N, C-alpha and C. Protein backbone atom coordinates (compact mmCIF):
# COMPACT_ATOMS: atom_id res chain seq x y z
N MET A 1 13.83 16.32 -8.36
CA MET A 1 13.65 16.21 -9.80
C MET A 1 13.49 14.75 -10.22
N GLY A 2 14.34 13.86 -9.66
CA GLY A 2 14.26 12.44 -10.00
C GLY A 2 12.92 11.84 -9.64
N ASN A 3 12.38 12.20 -8.48
CA ASN A 3 11.08 11.69 -8.07
C ASN A 3 9.97 12.17 -9.00
N GLU A 4 10.08 13.40 -9.46
CA GLU A 4 9.07 13.93 -10.39
C GLU A 4 9.07 13.14 -11.69
N VAL A 5 10.25 12.81 -12.19
CA VAL A 5 10.36 12.03 -13.42
C VAL A 5 9.74 10.65 -13.20
N THR A 6 10.08 10.02 -12.09
CA THR A 6 9.54 8.70 -11.79
C THR A 6 8.03 8.75 -11.66
N GLU A 7 7.51 9.76 -10.97
CA GLU A 7 6.07 9.90 -10.81
C GLU A 7 5.39 10.04 -12.16
N LYS A 8 5.98 10.85 -13.05
CA LYS A 8 5.40 11.03 -14.39
C LYS A 8 5.46 9.72 -15.18
N LEU A 9 6.54 8.97 -15.04
CA LEU A 9 6.65 7.69 -15.72
C LEU A 9 5.59 6.72 -15.20
N VAL A 10 5.43 6.66 -13.89
CA VAL A 10 4.42 5.77 -13.31
C VAL A 10 3.02 6.17 -13.79
N LEU A 11 2.72 7.47 -13.81
CA LEU A 11 1.41 7.92 -14.30
C LEU A 11 1.21 7.55 -15.77
N PHE A 12 2.27 7.72 -16.58
CA PHE A 12 2.19 7.34 -17.99
C PHE A 12 1.88 5.86 -18.13
N LEU A 13 2.60 5.03 -17.38
CA LEU A 13 2.40 3.59 -17.47
C LEU A 13 1.01 3.19 -16.96
N GLN A 14 0.53 3.85 -15.92
CA GLN A 14 -0.82 3.57 -15.43
C GLN A 14 -1.85 3.92 -16.50
N ASN A 15 -1.66 5.06 -17.16
CA ASN A 15 -2.58 5.45 -18.23
C ASN A 15 -2.52 4.46 -19.38
N LEU A 16 -1.32 4.04 -19.74
CA LEU A 16 -1.17 3.06 -20.82
C LEU A 16 -1.90 1.79 -20.46
N ARG A 17 -1.74 1.35 -19.22
CA ARG A 17 -2.36 0.11 -18.77
C ARG A 17 -3.88 0.22 -18.70
N CYS A 18 -4.37 1.34 -18.22
CA CYS A 18 -5.80 1.47 -17.91
C CYS A 18 -6.64 2.05 -19.04
N GLU A 19 -6.05 2.87 -19.89
CA GLU A 19 -6.86 3.59 -20.87
C GLU A 19 -6.88 2.95 -22.24
N ASP A 20 -5.82 2.31 -22.65
CA ASP A 20 -5.75 1.77 -24.01
C ASP A 20 -6.25 0.33 -24.02
N ALA A 21 -7.53 0.16 -23.71
CA ALA A 21 -8.10 -1.17 -23.57
C ALA A 21 -8.33 -1.86 -24.91
N GLY A 22 -8.16 -1.17 -26.02
CA GLY A 22 -8.39 -1.77 -27.32
C GLY A 22 -7.13 -2.21 -28.03
N ARG A 23 -5.98 -2.05 -27.40
CA ARG A 23 -4.74 -2.38 -28.10
C ARG A 23 -4.62 -3.89 -28.31
N GLU A 24 -3.90 -4.23 -29.34
CA GLU A 24 -3.75 -5.61 -29.77
C GLU A 24 -3.03 -6.49 -28.75
N THR A 25 -2.13 -5.92 -27.99
CA THR A 25 -1.30 -6.70 -27.08
C THR A 25 -1.87 -6.80 -25.66
N LEU A 26 -3.10 -6.42 -25.46
CA LEU A 26 -3.71 -6.44 -24.14
C LEU A 26 -3.87 -7.89 -23.66
N VAL A 27 -3.48 -8.15 -22.43
CA VAL A 27 -3.56 -9.49 -21.85
C VAL A 27 -4.92 -9.69 -21.19
N HIS A 28 -5.53 -10.83 -21.48
CA HIS A 28 -6.79 -11.22 -20.84
C HIS A 28 -6.61 -12.64 -20.32
N LEU A 29 -6.65 -12.80 -19.01
CA LEU A 29 -6.48 -14.12 -18.42
C LEU A 29 -7.83 -14.79 -18.24
N ALA A 30 -7.88 -16.08 -18.53
CA ALA A 30 -9.13 -16.84 -18.39
C ALA A 30 -9.62 -16.81 -16.95
N GLY A 31 -8.69 -16.91 -15.99
CA GLY A 31 -9.07 -16.88 -14.58
C GLY A 31 -9.71 -15.56 -14.19
N SER A 32 -9.20 -14.47 -14.72
CA SER A 32 -9.78 -13.16 -14.43
C SER A 32 -11.19 -13.05 -14.98
N LYS A 33 -11.37 -13.51 -16.20
CA LYS A 33 -12.71 -13.49 -16.81
C LYS A 33 -13.68 -14.33 -15.99
N ARG A 34 -13.24 -15.51 -15.58
CA ARG A 34 -14.10 -16.41 -14.80
C ARG A 34 -14.49 -15.77 -13.47
N GLU A 35 -13.52 -15.14 -12.79
CA GLU A 35 -13.82 -14.52 -11.49
C GLU A 35 -14.75 -13.32 -11.64
N LYS A 36 -14.61 -12.56 -12.71
CA LYS A 36 -15.52 -11.45 -12.97
C LYS A 36 -16.94 -11.95 -13.19
N GLU A 37 -17.07 -13.05 -13.92
CA GLU A 37 -18.39 -13.64 -14.14
C GLU A 37 -18.99 -14.14 -12.82
N ASN A 38 -18.16 -14.77 -11.98
CA ASN A 38 -18.63 -15.23 -10.67
C ASN A 38 -19.11 -14.06 -9.82
N LEU A 39 -18.37 -12.96 -9.85
CA LEU A 39 -18.76 -11.77 -9.10
C LEU A 39 -20.08 -11.22 -9.62
N ARG A 40 -20.23 -11.16 -10.93
CA ARG A 40 -21.47 -10.67 -11.52
C ARG A 40 -22.65 -11.55 -11.10
N ASP A 41 -22.42 -12.85 -11.04
CA ASP A 41 -23.49 -13.78 -10.67
C ASP A 41 -23.96 -13.60 -9.23
N ILE A 42 -23.06 -13.24 -8.31
CA ILE A 42 -23.47 -13.08 -6.92
C ILE A 42 -23.84 -11.64 -6.55
N ARG A 43 -23.64 -10.71 -7.48
CA ARG A 43 -23.93 -9.30 -7.19
C ARG A 43 -25.41 -9.07 -6.87
N THR A 44 -26.31 -9.75 -7.54
CA THR A 44 -27.74 -9.57 -7.30
C THR A 44 -28.08 -9.91 -5.85
N GLY A 45 -27.58 -11.05 -5.37
CA GLY A 45 -27.82 -11.43 -3.98
C GLY A 45 -27.21 -10.44 -3.01
N TYR A 46 -26.05 -9.93 -3.35
CA TYR A 46 -25.38 -8.93 -2.52
C TYR A 46 -26.24 -7.67 -2.43
N GLU A 47 -26.75 -7.22 -3.56
CA GLU A 47 -27.58 -6.00 -3.57
C GLU A 47 -28.87 -6.22 -2.76
N LYS A 48 -29.48 -7.39 -2.88
CA LYS A 48 -30.70 -7.69 -2.10
C LYS A 48 -30.39 -7.71 -0.61
N LEU A 49 -29.27 -8.28 -0.25
CA LEU A 49 -28.86 -8.32 1.16
C LEU A 49 -28.67 -6.90 1.69
N LYS A 50 -28.02 -6.05 0.91
CA LYS A 50 -27.80 -4.66 1.34
C LYS A 50 -29.12 -3.93 1.56
N GLU A 51 -30.11 -4.21 0.72
CA GLU A 51 -31.41 -3.54 0.86
C GLU A 51 -32.06 -3.87 2.21
N ARG A 52 -31.82 -5.04 2.74
CA ARG A 52 -32.44 -5.46 4.00
C ARG A 52 -31.65 -5.00 5.23
N MET A 53 -30.48 -4.46 5.01
CA MET A 53 -29.61 -4.07 6.13
C MET A 53 -29.98 -2.69 6.67
N PRO A 54 -29.71 -2.47 7.94
CA PRO A 54 -29.86 -1.11 8.48
C PRO A 54 -28.88 -0.17 7.76
N VAL A 55 -29.23 1.09 7.68
CA VAL A 55 -28.43 2.07 6.94
C VAL A 55 -26.99 2.10 7.44
N SER A 56 -26.80 2.08 8.75
CA SER A 56 -25.43 2.16 9.29
C SER A 56 -24.60 0.95 8.85
N ASP A 57 -25.20 -0.24 8.85
CA ASP A 57 -24.48 -1.43 8.40
C ASP A 57 -24.19 -1.37 6.90
N LYS A 58 -25.18 -0.89 6.16
CA LYS A 58 -25.01 -0.78 4.71
C LYS A 58 -23.90 0.21 4.38
N ASP A 59 -23.88 1.34 5.06
CA ASP A 59 -22.82 2.34 4.83
C ASP A 59 -21.45 1.76 5.15
N TYR A 60 -21.36 1.03 6.26
CA TYR A 60 -20.08 0.44 6.64
C TYR A 60 -19.64 -0.60 5.61
N LEU A 61 -20.56 -1.43 5.15
CA LEU A 61 -20.24 -2.45 4.15
C LEU A 61 -19.79 -1.80 2.85
N GLU A 62 -20.46 -0.74 2.42
CA GLU A 62 -20.07 -0.04 1.20
C GLU A 62 -18.67 0.58 1.35
N LYS A 63 -18.41 1.16 2.52
CA LYS A 63 -17.08 1.73 2.78
C LYS A 63 -16.02 0.64 2.71
N TYR A 64 -16.31 -0.51 3.29
CA TYR A 64 -15.39 -1.64 3.26
C TYR A 64 -15.14 -2.11 1.82
N MET A 65 -16.18 -2.25 1.04
CA MET A 65 -16.04 -2.72 -0.34
C MET A 65 -15.25 -1.72 -1.18
N GLU A 66 -15.49 -0.43 -1.00
CA GLU A 66 -14.73 0.59 -1.73
C GLU A 66 -13.24 0.51 -1.38
N GLN A 67 -12.94 0.32 -0.09
CA GLN A 67 -11.55 0.20 0.32
C GLN A 67 -10.92 -1.07 -0.25
N ALA A 68 -11.66 -2.16 -0.27
CA ALA A 68 -11.15 -3.41 -0.83
C ALA A 68 -10.84 -3.24 -2.32
N GLU A 69 -11.68 -2.51 -3.04
CA GLU A 69 -11.44 -2.25 -4.46
C GLU A 69 -10.20 -1.38 -4.66
N ARG A 70 -10.00 -0.38 -3.79
CA ARG A 70 -8.81 0.46 -3.89
C ARG A 70 -7.54 -0.36 -3.62
N VAL A 71 -7.60 -1.23 -2.63
CA VAL A 71 -6.46 -2.08 -2.32
C VAL A 71 -6.16 -3.00 -3.51
N ALA A 72 -7.20 -3.60 -4.09
CA ALA A 72 -7.00 -4.49 -5.24
C ALA A 72 -6.36 -3.74 -6.40
N PHE A 73 -6.80 -2.51 -6.66
CA PHE A 73 -6.23 -1.71 -7.73
C PHE A 73 -4.75 -1.44 -7.47
N GLU A 74 -4.41 -1.05 -6.24
CA GLU A 74 -3.02 -0.76 -5.91
C GLU A 74 -2.16 -2.01 -6.02
N GLU A 75 -2.71 -3.16 -5.64
CA GLU A 75 -1.96 -4.41 -5.80
C GLU A 75 -1.73 -4.72 -7.27
N GLN A 76 -2.72 -4.41 -8.12
CA GLN A 76 -2.54 -4.59 -9.56
C GLN A 76 -1.43 -3.68 -10.07
N GLN A 77 -1.41 -2.45 -9.57
CA GLN A 77 -0.36 -1.51 -9.98
C GLN A 77 1.01 -2.05 -9.58
N GLU A 78 1.11 -2.57 -8.36
CA GLU A 78 2.38 -3.13 -7.91
C GLU A 78 2.83 -4.27 -8.82
N ALA A 79 1.90 -5.17 -9.15
CA ALA A 79 2.26 -6.30 -10.00
C ALA A 79 2.68 -5.83 -11.39
N TYR A 80 2.00 -4.84 -11.92
CA TYR A 80 2.33 -4.28 -13.23
C TYR A 80 3.72 -3.67 -13.22
N LEU A 81 3.99 -2.84 -12.22
CA LEU A 81 5.30 -2.21 -12.13
C LEU A 81 6.40 -3.23 -11.84
N GLN A 82 6.08 -4.26 -11.06
CA GLN A 82 7.06 -5.32 -10.81
C GLN A 82 7.42 -6.01 -12.12
N GLY A 83 6.42 -6.25 -12.95
CA GLY A 83 6.68 -6.86 -14.26
C GLY A 83 7.57 -6.00 -15.13
N LEU A 84 7.33 -4.70 -15.11
CA LEU A 84 8.19 -3.79 -15.87
C LEU A 84 9.61 -3.79 -15.33
N LEU A 85 9.74 -3.75 -14.01
CA LEU A 85 11.06 -3.78 -13.40
C LEU A 85 11.78 -5.07 -13.78
N ASP A 86 11.09 -6.19 -13.70
CA ASP A 86 11.69 -7.47 -14.07
C ASP A 86 12.13 -7.46 -15.53
N ALA A 87 11.29 -6.88 -16.39
CA ALA A 87 11.63 -6.82 -17.82
C ALA A 87 12.87 -5.96 -18.05
N PHE A 88 12.97 -4.81 -17.36
CA PHE A 88 14.18 -3.98 -17.46
C PHE A 88 15.40 -4.79 -17.07
N GLN A 89 15.30 -5.48 -15.95
CA GLN A 89 16.46 -6.22 -15.45
C GLN A 89 16.83 -7.38 -16.38
N ILE A 90 15.85 -8.06 -16.94
CA ILE A 90 16.13 -9.15 -17.89
C ILE A 90 16.80 -8.60 -19.14
N LEU A 91 16.25 -7.51 -19.68
CA LEU A 91 16.83 -6.90 -20.89
C LEU A 91 18.25 -6.40 -20.63
N GLN A 92 18.46 -5.84 -19.45
CA GLN A 92 19.81 -5.40 -19.09
C GLN A 92 20.75 -6.60 -18.99
N GLY A 93 20.30 -7.64 -18.33
CA GLY A 93 21.12 -8.84 -18.17
C GLY A 93 21.47 -9.50 -19.49
N MET A 94 20.57 -9.39 -20.45
CA MET A 94 20.82 -9.97 -21.77
C MET A 94 21.66 -9.05 -22.64
N GLY A 95 21.87 -7.83 -22.17
CA GLY A 95 22.65 -6.88 -22.95
C GLY A 95 21.84 -6.17 -24.02
N VAL A 96 20.52 -6.33 -24.01
CA VAL A 96 19.66 -5.67 -25.00
C VAL A 96 19.61 -4.17 -24.74
N ILE A 97 19.56 -3.79 -23.46
CA ILE A 97 19.66 -2.37 -23.11
C ILE A 97 20.89 -2.20 -22.22
N ARG A 98 21.53 -1.08 -22.39
CA ARG A 98 22.74 -0.78 -21.63
C ARG A 98 22.38 -0.31 -20.23
N ALA A 99 23.16 -0.76 -19.30
CA ALA A 99 23.00 -0.24 -17.95
C ALA A 99 23.51 1.19 -17.95
N SER A 100 22.72 2.08 -17.41
CA SER A 100 23.13 3.47 -17.30
C SER A 100 22.73 3.98 -15.92
N GLU A 101 23.30 5.07 -15.55
CA GLU A 101 22.98 5.67 -14.24
C GLU A 101 21.48 5.97 -14.15
N LYS A 102 20.89 6.50 -15.22
CA LYS A 102 19.48 6.86 -15.21
C LYS A 102 18.60 5.62 -15.05
N VAL A 103 18.90 4.55 -15.77
CA VAL A 103 18.12 3.32 -15.66
C VAL A 103 18.28 2.73 -14.27
N GLU A 104 19.52 2.71 -13.78
CA GLU A 104 19.77 2.18 -12.43
C GLU A 104 19.01 2.99 -11.38
N ASN A 105 19.01 4.32 -11.51
CA ASN A 105 18.27 5.16 -10.57
C ASN A 105 16.77 4.88 -10.63
N LEU A 106 16.25 4.74 -11.84
CA LEU A 106 14.82 4.44 -12.00
C LEU A 106 14.48 3.11 -11.35
N ILE A 107 15.29 2.11 -11.59
CA ILE A 107 15.05 0.79 -10.98
C ILE A 107 15.11 0.89 -9.46
N ARG A 108 16.10 1.60 -8.95
CA ARG A 108 16.23 1.77 -7.51
C ARG A 108 15.01 2.48 -6.92
N GLN A 109 14.53 3.51 -7.61
CA GLN A 109 13.36 4.25 -7.11
C GLN A 109 12.12 3.37 -7.12
N ILE A 110 11.96 2.57 -8.16
CA ILE A 110 10.80 1.68 -8.21
C ILE A 110 10.92 0.64 -7.09
N GLU A 111 12.09 0.08 -6.92
CA GLU A 111 12.30 -0.92 -5.86
C GLU A 111 12.03 -0.35 -4.48
N ASN A 112 12.45 0.89 -4.26
CA ASN A 112 12.31 1.52 -2.95
C ASN A 112 10.97 2.21 -2.77
N ASP A 113 10.15 2.24 -3.83
CA ASP A 113 8.83 2.87 -3.79
C ASP A 113 8.94 4.33 -3.35
N SER A 114 10.06 4.99 -3.74
CA SER A 114 10.29 6.36 -3.30
C SER A 114 9.30 7.35 -3.91
N PHE A 115 8.66 6.97 -5.02
CA PHE A 115 7.73 7.91 -5.64
C PHE A 115 6.40 7.91 -4.92
N ASN A 116 6.15 7.00 -4.01
CA ASN A 116 4.90 6.98 -3.25
C ASN A 116 5.10 7.35 -1.78
N ALA A 117 6.32 7.73 -1.42
CA ALA A 117 6.60 8.03 0.00
C ALA A 117 5.88 9.26 0.46
């Protein structure tokens, strides 16, 4: 039951992070914008290179790039959840939120990554 609650919380937070792109409090880092522009600038050359490659090499490169994107997304999720965990712990330490068994269990589950086991 506890894992189901944690999984639902993680899904909710992922949806909040990924779907509500128009909210006022959305963070945009200058470095992220710059790197996206750099990627866009080299994409044309990348696509031209792929066109000249044998099909087997192109398929392998595409598979590699898709996996790299999945890894990057999961790393973003980890950083996002780590930030939430840190915020919980800071608020608890400041006495803004009370330590409770449920909060402690949630923090422990996030720390142990038990919802992804």
